[in-house]
Amino acid sequence: MDNGILYMLYFSIAFSIIEHVPLNRAFWWAITTASTVGYGDISTHTLVPHTMIGQFVVLVMIIIGVGMMGMVSSSLTTYFMRKNSVTTQSETQKSLKLILKKLNQLEKRMII
């Protein structure tokens, strides 16, 4: 997660220098771009890259942002699945034992 903040800081600095915007606006741009929120439709000061290098920075930032959001969501999913799996493992084992017991009973009936 710390690397994500560093990437956003690097891209904000690059965007600020290339597009000649204040660093605080460029950092806000990096956050909204990385989170794929895109406040452009409600903001009166939309940051749009005007140079080819600026567009490249935006493209790379979007790709990294989508990857970062994917990692965050998968980490949260893993955390909650592991938290829930502690209680469900014993239930799963009980269910499997019950299924095996029923199968054994069916096998005994089939043999006779």
PDB file of N, CA and C in Angstrom:
ATOM      1  N   MET A   1       0.825  -1.184   0.000  1.00  0.00           N
ATOM      2  CA  MET A   1       0.000   0.000   0.000  1.00  0.00           C
ATOM      3  C   MET A   1       0.871   1.250   0.000  1.00  0.00           C
ATOM      4  N   ASP A   2       2.017   1.176   0.673  1.00  0.00           N
ATOM      5  CA  ASP A   2       2.916   2.328   0.693  1.00  0.00           C
ATOM      6  C   ASP A   2       3.434   2.641  -0.708  1.00  0.00           C
ATOM      7  N   ASN A   3       3.666   1.586  -1.514  1.00  0.00           N
ATOM      8  CA  ASN A   3       4.123   1.811  -2.883  1.00  0.00           C
ATOM      9  C   ASN A   3       3.077   2.546  -3.700  1.00  0.00           C
ATOM     10  N   GLY A   4       1.813   2.277  -3.444  1.00  0.00           N
ATOM     11  CA  GLY A   4       0.740   2.948  -4.163  1.00  0.00           C
ATOM     12  C   GLY A   4       0.756   4.449  -3.913  1.00  0.00           C
ATOM     13  N   ILE A   5       0.997   4.837  -2.679  1.00  0.00           N
ATOM     14  CA  ILE A   5       1.058   6.263  -2.345  1.00  0.00           C
ATOM     15  C   ILE A   5       2.275   6.897  -3.019  1.00  0.00           C
ATOM     16  N   LEU A   6       3.390   6.161  -3.034  1.00  0.00           N
ATOM     17  CA  LEU A   6       4.582   6.683  -3.714  1.00  0.00           C
ATOM     18  C   LEU A   6       4.336   6.849  -5.212  1.00  0.00           C
ATOM     19  N   TYR A   7       3.685   5.858  -5.832  1.00  0.00           N
ATOM     20  CA  TYR A   7       3.367   5.974  -7.260  1.00  0.00           C
ATOM     21  C   TYR A   7       2.492   7.198  -7.519  1.00  0.00           C
ATOM     22  N   MET A   8       1.475   7.384  -6.679  1.00  0.00           N
ATOM     23  CA  MET A   8       0.604   8.538  -6.873  1.00  0.00           C
ATOM     24  C   MET A   8       1.376   9.841  -6.707  1.00  0.00           C
ATOM     25  N   LEU A   9       2.302   9.867  -5.760  1.00  0.00           N
ATOM     26  CA  LEU A   9       3.109  11.067  -5.559  1.00  0.00           C
ATOM     27  C   LEU A   9       4.006  11.322  -6.771  1.00  0.00           C
ATOM     28  N   TYR A  10       4.654  10.273  -7.282  1.00  0.00           N
ATOM     29  CA  TYR A  10       5.509  10.421  -8.461  1.00  0.00           C
ATOM     30  C   TYR A  10       4.715  10.909  -9.669  1.00  0.00           C
ATOM     31  N   PHE A  11       3.551  10.292  -9.892  1.00  0.00           N
ATOM     32  CA  PHE A  11       2.741  10.689 -11.037  1.00  0.00           C
ATOM     33  C   PHE A  11       2.184  12.103 -10.862  1.00  0.00           C
ATOM     34  N   SER A  12       1.879  12.493  -9.631  1.00  0.00           N
ATOM     35  CA  SER A  12       1.402  13.869  -9.426  1.00  0.00           C
ATOM     36  C   SER A  12       2.502  14.869  -9.727  1.00  0.00           C
ATOM     37  N   ILE A  13       3.720  14.560  -9.296  1.00  0.00           N
ATOM     38  CA  ILE A  13       4.838  15.463  -9.583  1.00  0.00           C
ATOM     39  C   ILE A  13       5.063  15.555 -11.090  1.00  0.00           C
ATOM     40  N   ALA A  14       5.043  14.396 -11.758  1.00  0.00           N
ATOM     41  CA  ALA A  14       5.233  14.391 -13.215  1.00  0.00           C
ATOM     42  C   ALA A  14       4.122  15.181 -13.900  1.00  0.00           C
ATOM     43  N   PHE A  15       2.873  14.953 -13.487  1.00  0.00           N
ATOM     44  CA  PHE A  15       1.744  15.656 -14.091  1.00  0.00           C
ATOM     45  C   PHE A  15       1.828  17.149 -13.819  1.00  0.00           C
ATOM     46  N   SER A  16       2.231  17.511 -12.613  1.00  0.00           N
ATOM     47  CA  SER A  16       2.358  18.917 -12.240  1.00  0.00           C
ATOM     48  C   SER A  16       3.406  19.618 -13.101  1.00  0.00           C
ATOM     49  N   ILE A  17       4.535  18.976 -13.311  1.00  0.00           N
ATOM     50  CA  ILE A  17       5.613  19.577 -14.107  1.00  0.00           C
ATOM     51  C   ILE A  17       5.227  19.639 -15.584  1.00  0.00           C
ATOM     52  N   ILE A  18       4.712  18.525 -16.107  1.00  0.00           N
ATOM     53  CA  ILE A  18       4.418  18.448 -17.540  1.00  0.00           C
ATOM     54  C   ILE A  18       3.253  19.367 -17.933  1.00  0.00           C
ATOM     55  N   GLU A  19       2.199  19.385 -17.115  1.00  0.00           N
ATOM     56  CA  GLU A  19       0.995  20.138 -17.468  1.00  0.00           C
ATOM     57  C   GLU A  19       0.925  21.510 -16.800  1.00  0.00           C
ATOM     58  N   HIS A  20       1.937  21.883 -16.040  1.00  0.00           N
ATOM     59  CA  HIS A  20       2.020  23.198 -15.392  1.00  0.00           C
ATOM     60  C   HIS A  20       0.805  23.489 -14.507  1.00  0.00           C
ATOM     61  N   VAL A  21       0.524  22.557 -13.603  1.00  0.00           N
ATOM     62  CA  VAL A  21      -0.556  22.750 -12.624  1.00  0.00           C
ATOM     63  C   VAL A  21       0.048  22.650 -11.230  1.00  0.00           C
ATOM     64  N   PRO A  22      -0.596  23.263 -10.234  1.00  0.00           N
ATOM     65  CA  PRO A  22      -0.073  23.179  -8.858  1.00  0.00           C
ATOM     66  C   PRO A  22      -0.029  21.720  -8.373  1.00  0.00           C
ATOM     67  N   LEU A  23       0.923  21.440  -7.514  1.00  0.00           N
ATOM     68  CA  LEU A  23       1.121  20.073  -7.030  1.00  0.00           C
ATOM     69  C   LEU A  23      -0.093  19.549  -6.275  1.00  0.00           C
ATOM     70  N   ASN A  24      -0.764  20.404  -5.506  1.00  0.00           N
ATOM     71  CA  ASN A  24      -1.931  19.915  -4.769  1.00  0.00           C
ATOM     72  C   ASN A  24      -3.053  19.481  -5.719  1.00  0.00           C
ATOM     73  N   ARG A  25      -3.255  20.198  -6.811  1.00  0.00           N
ATOM     74  CA  ARG A  25      -4.267  19.793  -7.792  1.00  0.00           C
ATOM     75  C   ARG A  25      -3.845  18.529  -8.519  1.00  0.00           C
ATOM     76  N   ALA A  26      -2.542  18.422  -8.801  1.00  0.00           N
ATOM     77  CA  ALA A  26      -2.032  17.230  -9.472  1.00  0.00           C
ATOM     78  C   ALA A  26      -2.161  16.006  -8.572  1.00  0.00           C
ATOM     79  N   PHE A  27      -1.952  16.172  -7.272  1.00  0.00           N
ATOM     80  CA  PHE A  27      -2.113  15.037  -6.351  1.00  0.00           C
ATOM     81  C   PHE A  27      -3.587  14.624  -6.276  1.00  0.00           C
ATOM     82  N   TRP A  28      -4.492  15.603  -6.253  1.00  0.00           N
ATOM     83  CA  TRP A  28      -5.921  15.281  -6.271  1.00  0.00           C
ATOM     84  C   TRP A  28      -6.279  14.557  -7.571  1.00  0.00           C
ATOM     85  N   TRP A  29      -5.685  14.993  -8.669  1.00  0.00           N
ATOM     86  CA  TRP A  29      -5.898  14.315  -9.949  1.00  0.00           C
ATOM     87  C   TRP A  29      -5.432  12.853  -9.846  1.00  0.00           C
ATOM     88  N   ALA A  30      -4.261  12.631  -9.238  1.00  0.00           N
ATOM     89  CA  ALA A  30      -3.720  11.274  -9.121  1.00  0.00           C
ATOM     90  C   ALA A  30      -4.627  10.387  -8.288  1.00  0.00           C
ATOM     91  N   ILE A  31      -5.167  10.922  -7.216  1.00  0.00           N
ATOM     92  CA  ILE A  31      -6.065  10.133  -6.363  1.00  0.00           C
ATOM     93  C   ILE A  31      -7.337   9.765  -7.116  1.00  0.00           C
ATOM     94  N   THR A  32      -7.945  10.746  -7.788  1.00  0.00           N
ATOM     95  CA  THR A  32      -9.186  10.450  -8.505  1.00  0.00           C
ATOM     96  C   THR A  32      -8.942   9.549  -9.704  1.00  0.00           C
ATOM     97  N   THR A  33      -7.792   9.661 -10.333  1.00  0.00           N
ATOM     98  CA  THR A  33      -7.483   8.795 -11.468  1.00  0.00           C
ATOM     99  C   THR A  33      -7.184   7.377 -10.996  1.00  0.00           C
ATOM    100  N   ALA A  34      -6.379   7.240  -9.949  1.00  0.00           N
ATOM    101  CA  ALA A  34      -6.021   5.914  -9.451  1.00  0.00           C
ATOM    102  C   ALA A  34      -7.235   5.175  -8.909  1.00  0.00           C
ATOM    103  N   SER A  35      -8.140   5.894  -8.295  1.00  0.00           N
ATOM    104  CA  SER A  35      -9.331   5.236  -7.741  1.00  0.00           C
ATOM    105  C   SER A  35     -10.416   5.056  -8.789  1.00  0.00           C
ATOM    106  N   THR A  36     -10.153   5.503 -10.005  1.00  0.00           N
ATOM    107  CA  THR A  36     -11.068   5.425 -11.139  1.00  0.00           C
ATOM    108  C   THR A  36     -12.396   6.117 -10.857  1.00  0.00           C
ATOM    109  N   VAL A  37     -12.403   7.096  -9.966  1.00  0.00           N
ATOM    110  CA  VAL A  37     -13.625   7.836  -9.667  1.00  0.00           C
ATOM    111  C   VAL A  37     -13.885   8.861 -10.760  1.00  0.00           C
ATOM    112  N   GLY A  38     -12.896   9.679 -11.067  1.00  0.00           N
ATOM    113  CA  GLY A  38     -13.019  10.663 -12.124  1.00  0.00           C
ATOM    114  C   GLY A  38     -14.064  11.719 -11.836  1.00  0.00           C
ATOM    115  N   TYR A  39     -13.700  12.734 -11.093  1.00  0.00           N
ATOM    116  CA  TYR A  39     -14.641  13.788 -10.716  1.00  0.00           C
ATOM    117  C   TYR A  39     -14.836  14.822 -11.816  1.00  0.00           C
ATOM    118  N   GLY A  40     -14.393  14.563 -13.009  1.00  0.00           N
ATOM    119  CA  GLY A  40     -14.458  15.534 -14.090  1.00  0.00           C
ATOM    120  C   GLY A  40     -15.854  16.012 -14.423  1.00  0.00           C
ATOM    121  N   ASP A  41     -16.848  15.178 -14.215  1.00  0.00           N
ATOM    122  CA  ASP A  41     -18.202  15.578 -14.588  1.00  0.00           C
ATOM    123  C   ASP A  41     -18.832  16.544 -13.592  1.00  0.00           C
ATOM    124  N   ILE A  42     -18.290  16.658 -12.367  1.00  0.00           N
ATOM    125  CA  ILE A  42     -18.884  17.569 -11.394  1.00  0.00           C
ATOM    126  C   ILE A  42     -17.933  18.687 -10.981  1.00  0.00           C
ATOM    127  N   SER A  43     -16.715  18.625 -11.436  1.00  0.00           N
ATOM    128  CA  SER A  43     -15.726  19.630 -11.059  1.00  0.00           C
ATOM    129  C   SER A  43     -15.659  20.727 -12.115  1.00  0.00           C
ATOM    130  N   THR A  44     -15.505  21.966 -11.662  1.00  0.00           N
ATOM    131  CA  THR A  44     -15.360  23.064 -12.614  1.00  0.00           C
ATOM    132  C   THR A  44     -13.923  23.196 -13.095  1.00  0.00           C
ATOM    133  N   HIS A  45     -12.998  22.548 -12.421  1.00  0.00           N
ATOM    134  CA  HIS A  45     -11.582  22.614 -12.789  1.00  0.00           C
ATOM    135  C   HIS A  45     -11.082  21.220 -13.141  1.00  0.00           C
ATOM    136  N   THR A  46     -11.532  20.701 -14.257  1.00  0.00           N
ATOM    137  CA  THR A  46     -11.110  19.380 -14.682  1.00  0.00           C
ATOM    138  C   THR A  46      -9.686  19.439 -15.201  1.00  0.00           C
ATOM    139  N   LEU A  47      -8.872  18.509 -14.720  1.00  0.00           N
ATOM    140  CA  LEU A  47      -7.492  18.445 -15.197  1.00  0.00           C
ATOM    141  C   LEU A  47      -7.425  17.498 -16.385  1.00  0.00           C
ATOM    142  N   VAL A  48      -7.185  18.059 -17.537  1.00  0.00           N
ATOM    143  CA  VAL A  48      -7.080  17.281 -18.759  1.00  0.00           C
ATOM    144  C   VAL A  48      -5.679  17.499 -19.319  1.00  0.00           C
ATOM    145  N   PRO A  49      -4.972  16.421 -19.648  1.00  0.00           N
ATOM    146  CA  PRO A  49      -3.629  16.601 -20.202  1.00  0.00           C
ATOM    147  C   PRO A  49      -3.706  17.196 -21.602  1.00  0.00           C
ATOM    148  N   HIS A  50      -2.842  18.177 -21.844  1.00  0.00           N
ATOM    149  CA  HIS A  50      -2.830  18.850 -23.142  1.00  0.00           C
ATOM    150  C   HIS A  50      -1.638  18.443 -24.000  1.00  0.00           C
ATOM    151  N   THR A  51      -0.676  17.760 -23.405  1.00  0.00           N
ATOM    152  CA  THR A  51       0.503  17.342 -24.160  1.00  0.00           C
ATOM    153  C   THR A  51       0.499  15.830 -24.321  1.00  0.00           C
ATOM    154  N   MET A  52       1.257  15.349 -25.290  1.00  0.00           N
ATOM    155  CA  MET A  52       1.349  13.911 -25.527  1.00  0.00           C
ATOM    156  C   MET A  52       1.993  13.213 -24.329  1.00  0.00           C
ATOM    157  N   ILE A  53       3.004  13.824 -23.729  1.00  0.00           N
ATOM    158  CA  ILE A  53       3.655  13.238 -22.553  1.00  0.00           C
ATOM    159  C   ILE A  53       2.659  13.191 -21.391  1.00  0.00           C
ATOM    160  N   GLY A  54       1.872  14.257 -21.225  1.00  0.00           N
ATOM    161  CA  GLY A  54       0.852  14.280 -20.176  1.00  0.00           C
ATOM    162  C   GLY A  54      -0.176  13.187 -20.381  1.00  0.00           C
ATOM    163  N   GLN A  55      -0.574  12.955 -21.631  1.00  0.00           N
ATOM    164  CA  GLN A  55      -1.529  11.883 -21.923  1.00  0.00           C
ATOM    165  C   GLN A  55      -0.930  10.517 -21.614  1.00  0.00           C
ATOM    166  N   PHE A  56       0.354  10.359 -21.876  1.00  0.00           N
ATOM    167  CA  PHE A  56       1.023   9.100 -21.555  1.00  0.00           C
ATOM    168  C   PHE A  56       1.054   8.881 -20.045  1.00  0.00           C
ATOM    169  N   VAL A  57       1.349   9.947 -19.292  1.00  0.00           N
ATOM    170  CA  VAL A  57       1.352   9.857 -17.820  1.00  0.00           C
ATOM    171  C   VAL A  57      -0.038   9.442 -17.338  1.00  0.00           C
ATOM    172  N   VAL A  58      -1.076  10.032 -17.915  1.00  0.00           N
ATOM    173  CA  VAL A  58      -2.451   9.684 -17.528  1.00  0.00           C
ATOM    174  C   VAL A  58      -2.729   8.222 -17.845  1.00  0.00           C
ATOM    175  N   LEU A  59      -2.335   7.769 -19.013  1.00  0.00           N
ATOM    176  CA  LEU A  59      -2.564   6.385 -19.406  1.00  0.00           C
ATOM    177  C   LEU A  59      -1.909   5.409 -18.433  1.00  0.00           C
ATOM    178  N   VAL A  60      -0.641   5.667 -18.109  1.00  0.00           N
ATOM    179  CA  VAL A  60       0.072   4.788 -17.178  1.00  0.00           C
ATOM    180  C   VAL A  60      -0.578   4.853 -15.795  1.00  0.00           C
ATOM    181  N   MET A  61      -0.978   6.049 -15.377  1.00  0.00           N
ATOM    182  CA  MET A  61      -1.612   6.205 -14.067  1.00  0.00           C
ATOM    183  C   MET A  61      -2.935   5.442 -14.005  1.00  0.00           C
ATOM    184  N   ILE A  62      -3.704   5.460 -15.078  1.00  0.00           N
ATOM    185  CA  ILE A  62      -4.975   4.718 -15.107  1.00  0.00           C
ATOM    186  C   ILE A  62      -4.714   3.223 -14.980  1.00  0.00           C
ATOM    187  N   ILE A  63      -3.761   2.721 -15.721  1.00  0.00           N
ATOM    188  CA  ILE A  63      -3.456   1.284 -15.672  1.00  0.00           C
ATOM    189  C   ILE A  63      -2.994   0.880 -14.277  1.00  0.00           C
ATOM    190  N   ILE A  64      -2.094   1.659 -13.698  1.00  0.00           N
ATOM    191  CA  ILE A  64      -1.615   1.352 -12.346  1.00  0.00           C
ATOM    192  C   ILE A  64      -2.744   1.514 -11.336  1.00  0.00           C
ATOM    193  N   GLY A  65      -3.574   2.536 -11.510  1.00  0.00           N
ATOM    194  CA  GLY A  65      -4.695   2.758 -10.588  1.00  0.00           C
ATOM    195  C   GLY A  65      -5.678   1.611 -10.584  1.00  0.00           C
ATOM    196  N   VAL A  66      -6.007   1.100 -11.753  1.00  0.00           N
ATOM    197  CA  VAL A  66      -6.918  -0.048 -11.826  1.00  0.00           C
ATOM    198  C   VAL A  66      -6.286  -1.253 -11.151  1.00  0.00           C
ATOM    199  N   GLY A  67      -4.984  -1.458 -11.381  1.00  0.00           N
ATOM    200  CA  GLY A  67      -4.289  -2.567 -10.716  1.00  0.00           C
ATOM    201  C   GLY A  67      -4.276  -2.414  -9.208  1.00  0.00           C
ATOM    202  N   MET A  68      -4.042  -1.180  -8.731  1.00  0.00           N
ATOM    203  CA  MET A  68      -4.015  -0.943  -7.282  1.00  0.00           C
ATOM    204  C   MET A  68      -5.397  -1.193  -6.674  1.00  0.00           C
ATOM    205  N   MET A  69      -6.439  -0.715  -7.330  1.00  0.00           N
ATOM    206  CA  MET A  69      -7.793  -0.928  -6.805  1.00  0.00           C
ATOM    207  C   MET A  69      -8.137  -2.415  -6.806  1.00  0.00           C
ATOM    208  N   GLY A  70      -7.674  -3.129  -7.822  1.00  0.00           N
ATOM    209  CA  GLY A  70      -7.879  -4.576  -7.853  1.00  0.00           C
ATOM    210  C   GLY A  70      -7.178  -5.275  -6.704  1.00  0.00           C
ATOM    211  N   MET A  71      -5.951  -4.831  -6.396  1.00  0.00           N
ATOM    212  CA  MET A  71      -5.215  -5.427  -5.281  1.00  0.00           C
ATOM    213  C   MET A  71      -5.896  -5.125  -3.952  1.00  0.00           C
ATOM    214  N   VAL A  72      -6.378  -3.899  -3.792  1.00  0.00           N
ATOM    215  CA  VAL A  72      -7.057  -3.536  -2.544  1.00  0.00           C
ATOM    216  C   VAL A  72      -8.320  -4.365  -2.369  1.00  0.00           C
ATOM    217  N   SER A  73      -9.123  -4.467  -3.436  1.00  0.00           N
ATOM    218  CA  SER A  73     -10.370  -5.219  -3.309  1.00  0.00           C
ATOM    219  C   SER A  73     -10.110  -6.713  -3.103  1.00  0.00           C
ATOM    220  N   SER A  74      -9.083  -7.269  -3.772  1.00  0.00           N
ATOM    221  CA  SER A  74      -8.785  -8.687  -3.562  1.00  0.00           C
ATOM    222  C   SER A  74      -8.223  -8.937  -2.166  1.00  0.00           C
ATOM    223  N   SER A  75      -7.453  -7.986  -1.635  1.00  0.00           N
ATOM    224  CA  SER A  75      -6.933  -8.133  -0.271  1.00  0.00           C
ATOM    225  C   SER A  75      -8.071  -8.105   0.747  1.00  0.00           C
ATOM    226  N   LEU A  76      -9.020  -7.199   0.546  1.00  0.00           N
ATOM    227  CA  LEU A  76     -10.178  -7.153   1.448  1.00  0.00           C
ATOM    228  C   LEU A  76     -11.003  -8.433   1.353  1.00  0.00           C
ATOM    229  N   THR A  77     -11.195  -8.922   0.136  1.00  0.00           N
ATOM    230  CA  THR A  77     -11.946 -10.163  -0.048  1.00  0.00           C
ATOM    231  C   THR A  77     -11.246 -11.319   0.640  1.00  0.00           C
ATOM    232  N   THR A  78      -9.938 -11.420   0.473  1.00  0.00           N
ATOM    233  CA  THR A  78      -9.165 -12.486   1.122  1.00  0.00           C
ATOM    234  C   THR A  78      -9.282 -12.392   2.637  1.00  0.00           C
ATOM    235  N   TYR A  79      -9.184 -11.177   3.165  1.00  0.00           N
ATOM    236  CA  TYR A  79      -9.282 -10.983   4.606  1.00  0.00           C
ATOM    237  C   TYR A  79     -10.629 -11.476   5.126  1.00  0.00           C
ATOM    238  N   PHE A  80     -11.704 -11.068   4.475  1.00  0.00           N
ATOM    239  CA  PHE A  80     -13.026 -11.461   4.958  1.00  0.00           C
ATOM    240  C   PHE A  80     -13.299 -12.947   4.742  1.00  0.00           C
ATOM    241  N   MET A  81     -12.775 -13.511   3.663  1.00  0.00           N
ATOM    242  CA  MET A  81     -12.970 -14.943   3.428  1.00  0.00           C
ATOM    243  C   MET A  81     -12.219 -15.761   4.477  1.00  0.00           C
ATOM    244  N   ARG A  82     -11.008 -15.350   4.839  1.00  0.00           N
ATOM    245  CA  ARG A  82     -10.258 -16.065   5.873  1.00  0.00           C
ATOM    246  C   ARG A  82     -10.933 -15.918   7.226  1.00  0.00           C
ATOM    247  N   LYS A  83     -11.466 -14.744   7.488  1.00  0.00           N
ATOM    248  CA  LYS A  83     -12.146 -14.511   8.757  1.00  0.00           C
ATOM    249  C   LYS A  83     -13.376 -15.409   8.867  1.00  0.00           C
ATOM    250  N   ASN A  84     -14.117 -15.537   7.774  1.00  0.00           N
ATOM    251  CA  ASN A  84     -15.309 -16.376   7.782  1.00  0.00           C
ATOM    252  C   ASN A  84     -14.981 -17.850   7.672  1.00  0.00           C
ATOM    253  N   SER A  85     -13.838 -18.196   7.087  1.00  0.00           N
ATOM    254  CA  SER A  85     -13.519 -19.600   6.882  1.00  0.00           C
ATOM    255  C   SER A  85     -13.210 -20.309   8.191  1.00  0.00           C
ATOM    256  N   VAL A  86     -12.830 -19.588   9.232  1.00  0.00           N
ATOM    257  CA  VAL A  86     -12.547 -20.213  10.520  1.00  0.00           C
ATOM    258  C   VAL A  86     -13.810 -20.877  11.055  1.00  0.00           C
ATOM    259  N   THR A  87     -14.919 -20.199  10.955  1.00  0.00           N
ATOM    260  CA  THR A  87     -16.166 -20.775  11.454  1.00  0.00           C
ATOM    261  C   THR A  87     -16.745 -21.777  10.469  1.00  0.00           C
ATOM    262  N   THR A  88     -16.548 -21.573   9.179  1.00  0.00           N
ATOM    263  CA  THR A  88     -17.171 -22.458   8.207  1.00  0.00           C
ATOM    264  C   THR A  88     -16.379 -23.737   7.987  1.00  0.00           C
ATOM    265  N   GLN A  89     -15.099 -23.787   8.353  1.00  0.00           N
ATOM    266  CA  GLN A  89     -14.334 -25.014   8.173  1.00  0.00           C
ATOM    267  C   GLN A  89     -14.901 -26.131   9.034  1.00  0.00           C
ATOM    268  N   SER A  90     -15.243 -25.820  10.271  1.00  0.00           N
ATOM    269  CA  SER A  90     -15.794 -26.859  11.130  1.00  0.00           C
ATOM    270  C   SER A  90     -17.173 -27.290  10.616  1.00  0.00           C
ATOM    271  N   GLU A  91     -17.941 -26.313  10.128  1.00  0.00           N
ATOM    272  CA  GLU A  91     -19.252 -26.660   9.559  1.00  0.00           C
ATOM    273  C   GLU A  91     -19.085 -27.503   8.309  1.00  0.00           C
ATOM    274  N   THR A  92     -18.101 -27.181   7.492  1.00  0.00           N
ATOM    275  CA  THR A  92     -17.836 -27.951   6.284  1.00  0.00           C
ATOM    276  C   THR A  92     -17.411 -29.365   6.636  1.00  0.00           C
ATOM    277  N   GLN A  93     -16.562 -29.507   7.643  1.00  0.00           N
ATOM    278  CA  GLN A  93     -16.135 -30.841   8.059  1.00  0.00           C
ATOM    279  C   GLN A  93     -17.312 -31.655   8.579  1.00  0.00           C
ATOM    280  N   LYS A  94     -18.198 -31.016   9.334  1.00  0.00           N
ATOM    281  CA  LYS A  94     -19.384 -31.720   9.829  1.00  0.00           C
ATOM    282  C   LYS A  94     -20.260 -32.163   8.667  1.00  0.00           C
ATOM    283  N   SER A  95     -20.417 -31.278   7.678  1.00  0.00           N
ATOM    284  CA  SER A  95     -21.236 -31.619   6.513  1.00  0.00           C
ATOM    285  C   SER A  95     -20.619 -32.763   5.728  1.00  0.00           C
ATOM    286  N   LEU A  96     -19.305 -32.723   5.553  1.00  0.00           N
ATOM    287  CA  LEU A  96     -18.636 -33.802   4.826  1.00  0.00           C
ATOM    288  C   LEU A  96     -18.756 -35.135   5.565  1.00  0.00           C
ATOM    289  N   LYS A  97     -18.625 -35.112   6.880  1.00  0.00           N
ATOM    290  CA  LYS A  97     -18.782 -36.346   7.657  1.00  0.00           C
ATOM    291  C   LYS A  97     -20.184 -36.895   7.512  1.00  0.00           C
ATOM    292  N   LEU A  98     -21.181 -36.006   7.531  1.00  0.00           N
ATOM    293  CA  LEU A  98     -22.567 -36.426   7.372  1.00  0.00           C
ATOM    294  C   LEU A  98     -22.795 -37.026   5.985  1.00  0.00           C
ATOM    295  N   ILE A  99     -22.222 -36.393   4.959  1.00  0.00           N
ATOM    296  CA  ILE A  99     -22.354 -36.909   3.597  1.00  0.00           C
ATOM    297  C   ILE A  99     -21.699 -38.278   3.480  1.00  0.00           C
ATOM    298  N   LEU A 100     -20.495 -38.430   4.048  1.00  0.00           N
ATOM    299  CA  LEU A 100     -19.813 -39.725   4.005  1.00  0.00           C
ATOM    300  C   LEU A 100     -20.600 -40.798   4.754  1.00  0.00           C
ATOM    301  N   LYS A 101     -21.191 -40.429   5.866  1.00  0.00           N
ATOM    302  CA  LYS A 101     -22.004 -41.368   6.639  1.00  0.00           C
ATOM    303  C   LYS A 101     -23.198 -41.834   5.816  1.00  0.00           C
ATOM    304  N   LYS A 102     -23.870 -40.870   5.147  1.00  0.00           N
ATOM    305  CA  LYS A 102     -25.021 -41.216   4.304  1.00  0.00           C
ATOM    306  C   LYS A 102     -24.601 -42.098   3.132  1.00  0.00           C
ATOM    307  N   LEU A 103     -23.432 -41.788   2.530  1.00  0.00           N
ATOM    308  CA  LEU A 103     -22.946 -42.620   1.428  1.00  0.00           C
ATOM    309  C   LEU A 103     -22.643 -44.042   1.894  1.00  0.00           C
ATOM    310  N   ASN A 104     -22.044 -44.172   3.066  1.00  0.00           N
ATOM    311  CA  ASN A 104     -21.765 -45.502   3.606  1.00  0.00           C
ATOM    312  C   ASN A 104     -23.054 -46.266   3.848  1.00  0.00           C
ATOM    313  N   GLN A 105     -24.067 -45.592   4.361  1.00  0.00           N
ATOM    314  CA  GLN A 105     -25.361 -46.234   4.582  1.00  0.00           C
ATOM    315  C   GLN A 105     -25.975 -46.692   3.257  1.00  0.00           C
ATOM    316  N   LEU A 106     -25.860 -45.845   2.221  1.00  0.00           N
ATOM    317  CA  LEU A 106     -26.375 -46.229   0.907  1.00  0.00           C
ATOM    318  C   LEU A 106     -25.612 -47.409   0.329  1.00  0.00           C
ATOM    319  N   GLU A 107     -24.303 -47.456   0.521  1.00  0.00           N
ATOM    320  CA  GLU A 107     -23.503 -48.583   0.036  1.00  0.00           C
ATOM    321  C   GLU A 107     -23.915 -49.875   0.716  1.00  0.00           C
ATOM    322  N   LYS A 108     -24.159 -49.799   2.010  1.00  0.00           N
ATOM    323  CA  LYS A 108     -24.575 -50.991   2.745  1.00  0.00           C
ATOM    324  C   LYS A 108     -25.914 -51.483   2.246  1.00  0.00           C
ATOM    325  N   ARG A 109     -26.831 -50.604   1.935  1.00  0.00           N
ATOM    326  CA  ARG A 109     -28.141 -50.987   1.401  1.00  0.00           C
ATOM    327  C   ARG A 109     -28.005 -51.591   0.001  1.00  0.00           C
ATOM    328  N   MET A 110     -27.066 -51.068  -0.783  1.00  0.00           N
ATOM    329  CA  MET A 110     -26.898 -51.571  -2.142  1.00  0.00           C
ATOM    330  C   MET A 110     -26.324 -52.982  -2.146  1.00  0.00           C
ATOM    331  N   ILE A 111     -25.447 -53.299  -1.193  1.00  0.00           N
ATOM    332  CA  ILE A 111     -24.800 -54.604  -1.146  1.00  0.00           C
ATOM    333  C   ILE A 111     -25.794 -55.675  -0.745  1.00  0.00           C
ATOM    334  N   ILE A 112     -26.663 -55.352   0.150  1.00  0.00           N
ATOM    335  CA  ILE A 112     -27.608 -56.350   0.652  1.00  0.00           C
ATOM    336  C   ILE A 112     -28.601 -56.656  -0.384  1.00  0.00           C
TER     337      ILE A 112
END
